[in-house]
Amino acid sequence: MGLIARIVEHAGISTICIVSLKPIAEQIRPPRTLHLAWPFGHPLGEPGNRVQQLAVLHAALQALATAQPGQILEPGWRWRREQYTLPEGWG
C-alpha cells in the first residue's frame, strides 16, 4: 500500500496509510502514516464500533492535512481500552 501511496503522491494527490505493523511502514516509507497497534486486519477498529471507527477516520484525515511527508503518527490508542468520542459535527 505504501508503494502505491508514493506513486499517487507523485501525481500530486496527498495520501495517508493506516497501518498496524510499524516495522513494515518504516521499511516501505509511505508518504504519511497513521500507526495503530491493533490486531492485524482491523485498521479502523472493532467491527460494529462506529464511534471508534469514526475517531480513526477523523485522526487519519486530520493527519493528512497536518503531517509532514514521511511522518509516522501514533495516537497511542489501546485496543478495546479507550473511550472514543465523535468529533463535533460527525454525529
PDB file of N, CA and C in Angstrom:
ATOM      1  N   MET A   1       0.811  -1.185   0.000  1.00  0.00           N
ATOM      2  CA  MET A   1       0.000   0.000   0.000  1.00  0.00           C
ATOM      3  C   MET A   1       0.863   1.261   0.000  1.00  0.00           C
ATOM      4  N   GLY A   2       1.956   1.234   0.750  1.00  0.00           N
ATOM      5  CA  GLY A   2       2.836   2.394   0.812  1.00  0.00           C
ATOM      6  C   GLY A   2       3.478   2.726  -0.518  1.00  0.00           C
ATOM      7  N   LEU A   3       3.789   1.697  -1.301  1.00  0.00           N
ATOM      8  CA  LEU A   3       4.373   1.937  -2.623  1.00  0.00           C
ATOM      9  C   LEU A   3       3.369   2.613  -3.544  1.00  0.00           C
ATOM     10  N   ILE A   4       2.121   2.175  -3.492  1.00  0.00           N
ATOM     11  CA  ILE A   4       1.068   2.801  -4.293  1.00  0.00           C
ATOM     12  C   ILE A   4       0.860   4.235  -3.839  1.00  0.00           C
ATOM     13  N   ALA A   5       0.887   4.458  -2.525  1.00  0.00           N
ATOM     14  CA  ALA A   5       0.703   5.813  -1.993  1.00  0.00           C
ATOM     15  C   ALA A   5       1.779   6.757  -2.522  1.00  0.00           C
ATOM     16  N   ARG A   6       3.010   6.272  -2.617  1.00  0.00           N
ATOM     17  CA  ARG A   6       4.080   7.128  -3.142  1.00  0.00           C
ATOM     18  C   ARG A   6       3.837   7.501  -4.601  1.00  0.00           C
ATOM     19  N   ILE A   7       3.321   6.557  -5.397  1.00  0.00           N
ATOM     20  CA  ILE A   7       3.021   6.837  -6.804  1.00  0.00           C
ATOM     21  C   ILE A   7       1.897   7.867  -6.903  1.00  0.00           C
ATOM     22  N   VAL A   8       0.871   7.712  -6.073  1.00  0.00           N
ATOM     23  CA  VAL A   8      -0.248   8.659  -6.070  1.00  0.00           C
ATOM     24  C   VAL A   8       0.239  10.043  -5.630  1.00  0.00           C
ATOM     25  N   GLU A   9       1.094  10.081  -4.623  1.00  0.00           N
ATOM     26  CA  GLU A   9       1.662  11.365  -4.170  1.00  0.00           C
ATOM     27  C   GLU A   9       2.460  12.029  -5.287  1.00  0.00           C
ATOM     28  N   HIS A  10       3.203  11.234  -6.028  1.00  0.00           N
ATOM     29  CA  HIS A  10       3.997  11.769  -7.138  1.00  0.00           C
ATOM     30  C   HIS A  10       3.093  12.436  -8.180  1.00  0.00           C
ATOM     31  N   ALA A  11       1.853  11.965  -8.280  1.00  0.00           N
ATOM     32  CA  ALA A  11       0.883  12.564  -9.206  1.00  0.00           C
ATOM     33  C   ALA A  11       0.220  13.811  -8.621  1.00  0.00           C
ATOM     34  N   GLY A  12       0.571  14.164  -7.366  1.00  0.00           N
ATOM     35  CA  GLY A  12       0.052  15.394  -6.777  1.00  0.00           C
ATOM     36  C   GLY A  12      -1.128  15.215  -5.839  1.00  0.00           C
ATOM     37  N   ILE A  13      -1.443  13.980  -5.460  1.00  0.00           N
ATOM     38  CA  ILE A  13      -2.568  13.716  -4.560  1.00  0.00           C
ATOM     39  C   ILE A  13      -2.014  13.245  -3.216  1.00  0.00           C
ATOM     40  N   SER A  14      -2.355  13.950  -2.152  1.00  0.00           N
ATOM     41  CA  SER A  14      -1.873  13.580  -0.822  1.00  0.00           C
ATOM     42  C   SER A  14      -2.518  12.280  -0.363  1.00  0.00           C
ATOM     43  N   THR A  15      -1.733  11.464   0.357  1.00  0.00           N
ATOM     44  CA  THR A  15      -2.223  10.176   0.847  1.00  0.00           C
ATOM     45  C   THR A  15      -1.826   9.978   2.296  1.00  0.00           C
ATOM     46  N   ILE A  16      -2.547   9.068   2.946  1.00  0.00           N
ATOM     47  CA  ILE A  16      -2.171   8.597   4.281  1.00  0.00           C
ATOM     48  C   ILE A  16      -2.491   7.114   4.345  1.00  0.00           C
ATOM     49  N   CYS A  17      -1.605   6.350   4.954  1.00  0.00           N
ATOM     50  CA  CYS A  17      -1.819   4.913   5.132  1.00  0.00           C
ATOM     51  C   CYS A  17      -2.091   4.639   6.604  1.00  0.00           C
ATOM     52  N   ILE A  18      -3.076   3.800   6.870  1.00  0.00           N
ATOM     53  CA  ILE A  18      -3.364   3.351   8.229  1.00  0.00           C
ATOM     54  C   ILE A  18      -2.768   1.955   8.346  1.00  0.00           C
ATOM     55  N   VAL A  19      -1.814   1.789   9.275  1.00  0.00           N
ATOM     56  CA  VAL A  19      -1.093   0.520   9.383  1.00  0.00           C
ATOM     57  C   VAL A  19      -1.123  -0.006  10.815  1.00  0.00           C
ATOM     58  N   SER A  20      -0.970  -1.318  10.930  1.00  0.00           N
ATOM     59  CA  SER A  20      -0.859  -1.922  12.258  1.00  0.00           C
ATOM     60  C   SER A  20       0.527  -2.527  12.477  1.00  0.00           C
ATOM     61  N   LEU A  21       1.349  -2.561  11.451  1.00  0.00           N
ATOM     62  CA  LEU A  21       2.709  -3.102  11.562  1.00  0.00           C
ATOM     63  C   LEU A  21       3.716  -1.997  11.276  1.00  0.00           C
ATOM     64  N   LYS A  22       4.173  -1.336  12.323  1.00  0.00           N
ATOM     65  CA  LYS A  22       5.085  -0.195  12.163  1.00  0.00           C
ATOM     66  C   LYS A  22       6.390  -0.561  11.465  1.00  0.00           C
ATOM     67  N   PRO A  23       7.003  -1.732  11.761  1.00  0.00           N
ATOM     68  CA  PRO A  23       8.261  -2.055  11.066  1.00  0.00           C
ATOM     69  C   PRO A  23       8.119  -2.109   9.543  1.00  0.00           C
ATOM     70  N   ILE A  24       6.978  -2.561   9.066  1.00  0.00           N
ATOM     71  CA  ILE A  24       6.742  -2.592   7.614  1.00  0.00           C
ATOM     72  C   ILE A  24       6.649  -1.164   7.082  1.00  0.00           C
ATOM     73  N   ALA A  25       5.923  -0.303   7.792  1.00  0.00           N
ATOM     74  CA  ALA A  25       5.801   1.093   7.359  1.00  0.00           C
ATOM     75  C   ALA A  25       7.161   1.779   7.351  1.00  0.00           C
ATOM     76  N   GLU A  26       8.015   1.452   8.322  1.00  0.00           N
ATOM     77  CA  GLU A  26       9.346   2.050   8.359  1.00  0.00           C
ATOM     78  C   GLU A  26      10.198   1.597   7.176  1.00  0.00           C
ATOM     79  N   GLN A  27       9.979   0.371   6.717  1.00  0.00           N
ATOM     80  CA  GLN A  27      10.719  -0.122   5.544  1.00  0.00           C
ATOM     81  C   GLN A  27      10.191   0.465   4.254  1.00  0.00           C
ATOM     82  N   ILE A  28       8.870   0.453   4.080  1.00  0.00           N
ATOM     83  CA  ILE A  28       8.238   0.901   2.835  1.00  0.00           C
ATOM     84  C   ILE A  28       8.224   2.430   2.740  1.00  0.00           C
ATOM     85  N   ARG A  29       8.112   3.093   3.872  1.00  0.00           N
ATOM     86  CA  ARG A  29       8.088   4.549   3.973  1.00  0.00           C
ATOM     87  C   ARG A  29       6.981   5.202   3.148  1.00  0.00           C
ATOM     88  N   PRO A  30       5.720   4.954   3.502  1.00  0.00           N
ATOM     89  CA  PRO A  30       4.633   5.677   2.832  1.00  0.00           C
ATOM     90  C   PRO A  30       4.769   7.181   3.103  1.00  0.00           C
ATOM     91  N   PRO A  31       4.157   8.009   2.286  1.00  0.00           N
ATOM     92  CA  PRO A  31       4.273   9.456   2.469  1.00  0.00           C
ATOM     93  C   PRO A  31       3.831   9.929   3.866  1.00  0.00           C
ATOM     94  N   ARG A  32       2.703   9.448   4.343  1.00  0.00           N
ATOM     95  CA  ARG A  32       2.204   9.764   5.684  1.00  0.00           C
ATOM     96  C   ARG A  32       1.574   8.499   6.234  1.00  0.00           C
ATOM     97  N   THR A  33       1.764   8.267   7.537  1.00  0.00           N
ATOM     98  CA  THR A  33       1.290   7.016   8.119  1.00  0.00           C
ATOM     99  C   THR A  33       0.637   7.268   9.469  1.00  0.00           C
ATOM    100  N   LEU A  34      -0.487   6.602   9.688  1.00  0.00           N
ATOM    101  CA  LEU A  34      -1.129   6.564  10.999  1.00  0.00           C
ATOM    102  C   LEU A  34      -0.967   5.137  11.499  1.00  0.00           C
ATOM    103  N   HIS A  35      -0.174   4.971  12.562  1.00  0.00           N
ATOM    104  CA  HIS A  35       0.093   3.630  13.099  1.00  0.00           C
ATOM    105  C   HIS A  35      -0.793   3.365  14.306  1.00  0.00           C
ATOM    106  N   LEU A  36      -1.553   2.284  14.221  1.00  0.00           N
ATOM    107  CA  LEU A  36      -2.388   1.827  15.328  1.00  0.00           C
ATOM    108  C   LEU A  36      -1.942   0.422  15.688  1.00  0.00           C
ATOM    109  N   ALA A  37      -1.497   0.215  16.905  1.00  0.00           N
ATOM    110  CA  ALA A  37      -1.002  -1.093  17.341  1.00  0.00           C
ATOM    111  C   ALA A  37      -2.189  -1.988  17.700  1.00  0.00           C
ATOM    112  N   TRP A  38      -2.964  -2.294  16.703  1.00  0.00           N
ATOM    113  CA  TRP A  38      -4.169  -3.118  16.864  1.00  0.00           C
ATOM    114  C   TRP A  38      -3.986  -4.414  16.110  1.00  0.00           C
ATOM    115  N   PRO A  39      -4.838  -5.406  16.368  1.00  0.00           N
ATOM    116  CA  PRO A  39      -4.717  -6.693  15.666  1.00  0.00           C
ATOM    117  C   PRO A  39      -4.760  -6.512  14.144  1.00  0.00           C
ATOM    118  N   PHE A  40      -3.939  -7.293  13.467  1.00  0.00           N
ATOM    119  CA  PHE A  40      -3.877  -7.257  12.011  1.00  0.00           C
ATOM    120  C   PHE A  40      -5.270  -7.511  11.431  1.00  0.00           C
ATOM    121  N   GLY A  41      -5.645  -6.752  10.430  1.00  0.00           N
ATOM    122  CA  GLY A  41      -6.949  -6.908   9.792  1.00  0.00           C
ATOM    123  C   GLY A  41      -8.025  -6.003  10.362  1.00  0.00           C
ATOM    124  N   HIS A  42      -7.681  -5.169  11.347  1.00  0.00           N
ATOM    125  CA  HIS A  42      -8.648  -4.256  11.950  1.00  0.00           C
ATOM    126  C   HIS A  42      -8.127  -2.820  11.917  1.00  0.00           C
ATOM    127  N   PRO A  43      -7.827  -2.294  10.730  1.00  0.00           N
ATOM    128  CA  PRO A  43      -7.206  -0.975  10.668  1.00  0.00           C
ATOM    129  C   PRO A  43      -8.091   0.156  11.193  1.00  0.00           C
ATOM    130  N   LEU A  44      -9.395  -0.015  11.117  1.00  0.00           N
ATOM    131  CA  LEU A  44     -10.292   1.040  11.605  1.00  0.00           C
ATOM    132  C   LEU A  44     -10.868   0.743  12.973  1.00  0.00           C
ATOM    133  N   GLY A  45     -10.564  -0.422  13.529  1.00  0.00           N
ATOM    134  CA  GLY A  45     -11.059  -0.735  14.867  1.00  0.00           C
ATOM    135  C   GLY A  45     -11.946  -1.954  14.901  1.00  0.00           C
ATOM    136  N   GLU A  46     -12.650  -2.072  16.006  1.00  0.00           N
ATOM    137  CA  GLU A  46     -13.504  -3.228  16.240  1.00  0.00           C
ATOM    138  C   GLU A  46     -14.719  -3.229  15.303  1.00  0.00           C
ATOM    139  N   PRO A  47     -15.123  -4.402  14.821  1.00  0.00           N
ATOM    140  CA  PRO A  47     -16.331  -4.483  13.996  1.00  0.00           C
ATOM    141  C   PRO A  47     -17.541  -3.953  14.776  1.00  0.00           C
ATOM    142  N   GLY A  48     -18.292  -3.092  14.141  1.00  0.00           N
ATOM    143  CA  GLY A  48     -19.510  -2.568  14.745  1.00  0.00           C
ATOM    144  C   GLY A  48     -19.299  -1.416  15.710  1.00  0.00           C
ATOM    145  N   ASN A  49     -18.069  -1.036  15.978  1.00  0.00           N
ATOM    146  CA  ASN A  49     -17.800   0.068  16.899  1.00  0.00           C
ATOM    147  C   ASN A  49     -17.692   1.362  16.092  1.00  0.00           C
ATOM    148  N   ARG A  50     -18.843   1.923  15.790  1.00  0.00           N
ATOM    149  CA  ARG A  50     -18.949   3.085  14.906  1.00  0.00           C
ATOM    150  C   ARG A  50     -18.151   4.279  15.422  1.00  0.00           C
ATOM    151  N   VAL A  51     -18.248   4.553  16.717  1.00  0.00           N
ATOM    152  CA  VAL A  51     -17.566   5.716  17.287  1.00  0.00           C
ATOM    153  C   VAL A  51     -16.047   5.550  17.166  1.00  0.00           C
ATOM    154  N   GLN A  52     -15.542   4.366  17.444  1.00  0.00           N
ATOM    155  CA  GLN A  52     -14.109   4.099  17.322  1.00  0.00           C
ATOM    156  C   GLN A  52     -13.665   4.264  15.870  1.00  0.00           C
ATOM    157  N   GLN A  53     -14.421   3.716  14.952  1.00  0.00           N
ATOM    158  CA  GLN A  53     -14.059   3.777  13.539  1.00  0.00           C
ATOM    159  C   GLN A  53     -14.070   5.216  13.030  1.00  0.00           C
ATOM    160  N   LEU A  54     -15.061   6.000  13.448  1.00  0.00           N
ATOM    161  CA  LEU A  54     -15.102   7.402  13.035  1.00  0.00           C
ATOM    162  C   LEU A  54     -13.947   8.191  13.657  1.00  0.00           C
ATOM    163  N   ALA A  55     -13.556   7.846  14.875  1.00  0.00           N
ATOM    164  CA  ALA A  55     -12.408   8.511  15.502  1.00  0.00           C
ATOM    165  C   ALA A  55     -11.132   8.232  14.709  1.00  0.00           C
ATOM    166  N   VAL A  56     -10.971   6.999  14.229  1.00  0.00           N
ATOM    167  CA  VAL A  56      -9.801   6.659  13.412  1.00  0.00           C
ATOM    168  C   VAL A  56      -9.833   7.441  12.098  1.00  0.00           C
ATOM    169  N   LEU A  57     -10.980   7.479  11.455  1.00  0.00           N
ATOM    170  CA  LEU A  57     -11.088   8.237  10.200  1.00  0.00           C
ATOM    171  C   LEU A  57     -10.787   9.716  10.424  1.00  0.00           C
ATOM    172  N   HIS A  58     -11.297  10.272  11.512  1.00  0.00           N
ATOM    173  CA  HIS A  58     -11.034  11.679  11.823  1.00  0.00           C
ATOM    174  C   HIS A  58      -9.541  11.902  12.030  1.00  0.00           C
ATOM    175  N   ALA A  59      -8.891  11.020  12.786  1.00  0.00           N
ATOM    176  CA  ALA A  59      -7.450  11.149  13.019  1.00  0.00           C
ATOM    177  C   ALA A  59      -6.671  11.042  11.709  1.00  0.00           C
ATOM    178  N   ALA A  60      -7.091  10.143  10.830  1.00  0.00           N
ATOM    179  CA  ALA A  60      -6.409   9.977   9.540  1.00  0.00           C
ATOM    180  C   ALA A  60      -6.579  11.214   8.670  1.00  0.00           C
ATOM    181  N   LEU A  61      -7.773  11.761   8.610  1.00  0.00           N
ATOM    182  CA  LEU A  61      -7.997  12.962   7.797  1.00  0.00           C
ATOM    183  C   LEU A  61      -7.256  14.163   8.374  1.00  0.00           C
ATOM    184  N   GLN A  62      -7.238  14.266   9.685  1.00  0.00           N
ATOM    185  CA  GLN A  62      -6.501  15.352  10.330  1.00  0.00           C
ATOM    186  C   GLN A  62      -4.999  15.221  10.045  1.00  0.00           C
ATOM    187  N   ALA A  63      -4.488  13.994  10.122  1.00  0.00           N
ATOM    188  CA  ALA A  63      -3.074  13.753   9.831  1.00  0.00           C
ATOM    189  C   ALA A  63      -2.758  14.045   8.370  1.00  0.00           C
ATOM    190  N   LEU A  64      -3.689  13.732   7.491  1.00  0.00           N
ATOM    191  CA  LEU A  64      -3.488  14.012   6.072  1.00  0.00           C
ATOM    192  C   LEU A  64      -3.260  15.505   5.844  1.00  0.00           C
ATOM    193  N   ALA A  65      -3.955  16.322   6.633  1.00  0.00           N
ATOM    194  CA  ALA A  65      -3.843  17.770   6.476  1.00  0.00           C
ATOM    195  C   ALA A  65      -2.642  18.367   7.204  1.00  0.00           C
ATOM    196  N   THR A  66      -2.132  17.679   8.246  1.00  0.00           N
ATOM    197  CA  THR A  66      -1.116  18.313   9.080  1.00  0.00           C
ATOM    198  C   THR A  66       0.241  17.597   9.107  1.00  0.00           C
ATOM    199  N   ALA A  67       0.280  16.315   8.799  1.00  0.00           N
ATOM    200  CA  ALA A  67       1.527  15.545   8.924  1.00  0.00           C
ATOM    201  C   ALA A  67       2.530  15.931   7.843  1.00  0.00           C
ATOM    202  N   GLN A  68       3.780  15.867   8.203  1.00  0.00           N
ATOM    203  CA  GLN A  68       4.857  16.112   7.258  1.00  0.00           C
ATOM    204  C   GLN A  68       5.116  14.846   6.450  1.00  0.00           C
ATOM    205  N   PRO A  69       5.541  14.957   5.203  1.00  0.00           N
ATOM    206  CA  PRO A  69       5.862  13.761   4.417  1.00  0.00           C
ATOM    207  C   PRO A  69       6.873  12.870   5.145  1.00  0.00           C
ATOM    208  N   GLY A  70       6.582  11.589   5.173  1.00  0.00           N
ATOM    209  CA  GLY A  70       7.430  10.615   5.829  1.00  0.00           C
ATOM    210  C   GLY A  70       7.122  10.395   7.303  1.00  0.00           C
ATOM    211  N   GLN A  71       6.231  11.184   7.861  1.00  0.00           N
ATOM    212  CA  GLN A  71       5.930  11.106   9.288  1.00  0.00           C
ATOM    213  C   GLN A  71       5.038   9.904   9.609  1.00  0.00           C
ATOM    214  N   ILE A  72       5.338   9.231  10.720  1.00  0.00           N
ATOM    215  CA  ILE A  72       4.502   8.150  11.246  1.00  0.00           C
ATOM    216  C   ILE A  72       3.878   8.656  12.531  1.00  0.00           C
ATOM    217  N   LEU A  73       2.572   8.835  12.508  1.00  0.00           N
ATOM    218  CA  LEU A  73       1.849   9.326  13.678  1.00  0.00           C
ATOM    219  C   LEU A  73       1.291   8.157  14.478  1.00  0.00           C
ATOM    220  N   GLU A  74       1.341   8.275  15.790  1.00  0.00           N
ATOM    221  CA  GLU A  74       0.831   7.234  16.668  1.00  0.00           C
ATOM    222  C   GLU A  74      -0.052   7.865  17.740  1.00  0.00           C
ATOM    223  N   PRO A  75      -1.372   7.717  17.612  1.00  0.00           N
ATOM    224  CA  PRO A  75      -2.253   8.312  18.623  1.00  0.00           C
ATOM    225  C   PRO A  75      -2.172   7.616  19.980  1.00  0.00           C
ATOM    226  N   GLY A  76      -1.615   6.410  20.039  1.00  0.00           N
ATOM    227  CA  GLY A  76      -1.451   5.718  21.309  1.00  0.00           C
ATOM    228  C   GLY A  76      -2.691   5.012  21.826  1.00  0.00           C
ATOM    229  N   TRP A  77      -3.681   4.877  20.981  1.00  0.00           N
ATOM    230  CA  TRP A  77      -4.899   4.188  21.411  1.00  0.00           C
ATOM    231  C   TRP A  77      -4.624   2.713  21.644  1.00  0.00           C
ATOM    232  N   ARG A  78      -5.215   2.175  22.703  1.00  0.00           N
ATOM    233  CA  ARG A  78      -5.077   0.756  23.024  1.00  0.00           C
ATOM    234  C   ARG A  78      -6.320   0.010  22.550  1.00  0.00           C
ATOM    235  N   TRP A  79      -6.117  -1.166  22.034  1.00  0.00           N
ATOM    236  CA  TRP A  79      -7.219  -1.985  21.518  1.00  0.00           C
ATOM    237  C   TRP A  79      -8.216  -2.275  22.643  1.00  0.00           C
ATOM    238  N   ARG A  80      -9.462  -1.899  22.443  1.00  0.00           N
ATOM    239  CA  ARG A  80     -10.588  -2.156  23.352  1.00  0.00           C
ATOM    240  C   ARG A  80     -10.409  -1.570  24.750  1.00  0.00           C
ATOM    241  N   ARG A  81      -9.587  -0.554  24.900  1.00  0.00           N
ATOM    242  CA  ARG A  81      -9.386   0.018  26.235  1.00  0.00           C
ATOM    243  C   ARG A  81      -9.563   1.536  26.255  1.00  0.00           C
ATOM    244  N   GLU A  82     -10.070   2.095  25.214  1.00  0.00           N
ATOM    245  CA  GLU A  82     -10.216   3.543  25.141  1.00  0.00           C
ATOM    246  C   GLU A  82     -11.693   3.918  25.070  1.00  0.00           C
ATOM    247  N   GLN A  83     -11.990   5.119  25.517  1.00  0.00           N
ATOM    248  CA  GLN A  83     -13.315   5.695  25.338  1.00  0.00           C
ATOM    249  C   GLN A  83     -13.208   6.725  24.216  1.00  0.00           C
ATOM    250  N   TYR A  84     -13.958   6.510  23.164  1.00  0.00           N
ATOM    251  CA  TYR A  84     -13.891   7.381  21.997  1.00  0.00           C
ATOM    252  C   TYR A  84     -15.095   8.300  21.986  1.00  0.00           C
ATOM    253  N   THR A  85     -14.884   9.500  21.495  1.00  0.00           N
ATOM    254  CA  THR A  85     -15.977  10.440  21.296  1.00  0.00           C
ATOM    255  C   THR A  85     -15.929  10.903  19.857  1.00  0.00           C
ATOM    256  N   LEU A  86     -17.096  11.184  19.324  1.00  0.00           N
ATOM    257  CA  LEU A  86     -17.158  11.674  17.941  1.00  0.00           C
ATOM    258  C   LEU A  86     -16.731  13.129  17.891  1.00  0.00           C
ATOM    259  N   PRO A  87     -15.968  13.481  16.874  1.00  0.00           N
ATOM    260  CA  PRO A  87     -15.649  14.893  16.682  1.00  0.00           C
ATOM    261  C   PRO A  87     -16.943  15.679  16.439  1.00  0.00           C
ATOM    262  N   GLU A  88     -16.944  16.925  16.804  1.00  0.00           N
ATOM    263  CA  GLU A  88     -18.132  17.755  16.630  1.00  0.00           C
ATOM    264  C   GLU A  88     -18.580  17.767  15.172  1.00  0.00           C
ATOM    265  N   GLY A  89     -19.850  17.529  14.949  1.00  0.00           N
ATOM    266  CA  GLY A  89     -20.405  17.514  13.597  1.00  0.00           C
ATOM    267  C   GLY A  89     -20.329  16.171  12.900  1.00  0.00           C
ATOM    268  N   TRP A  90     -19.767  15.149  13.566  1.00  0.00           N
ATOM    269  CA  TRP A  90     -19.643  13.822  12.960  1.00  0.00           C
ATOM    270  C   TRP A  90     -20.750  12.896  13.428  1.00  0.00           C
ATOM    271  N   GLY A  91     -21.764  13.416  14.093  1.00  0.00           N
ATOM    272  CA  GLY A  91     -22.811  12.674  14.740  1.00  0.00           C
ATOM    273  C   GLY A  91     -23.580  11.746  13.934  1.00  0.00           C
TER     274      GLY A  91
END
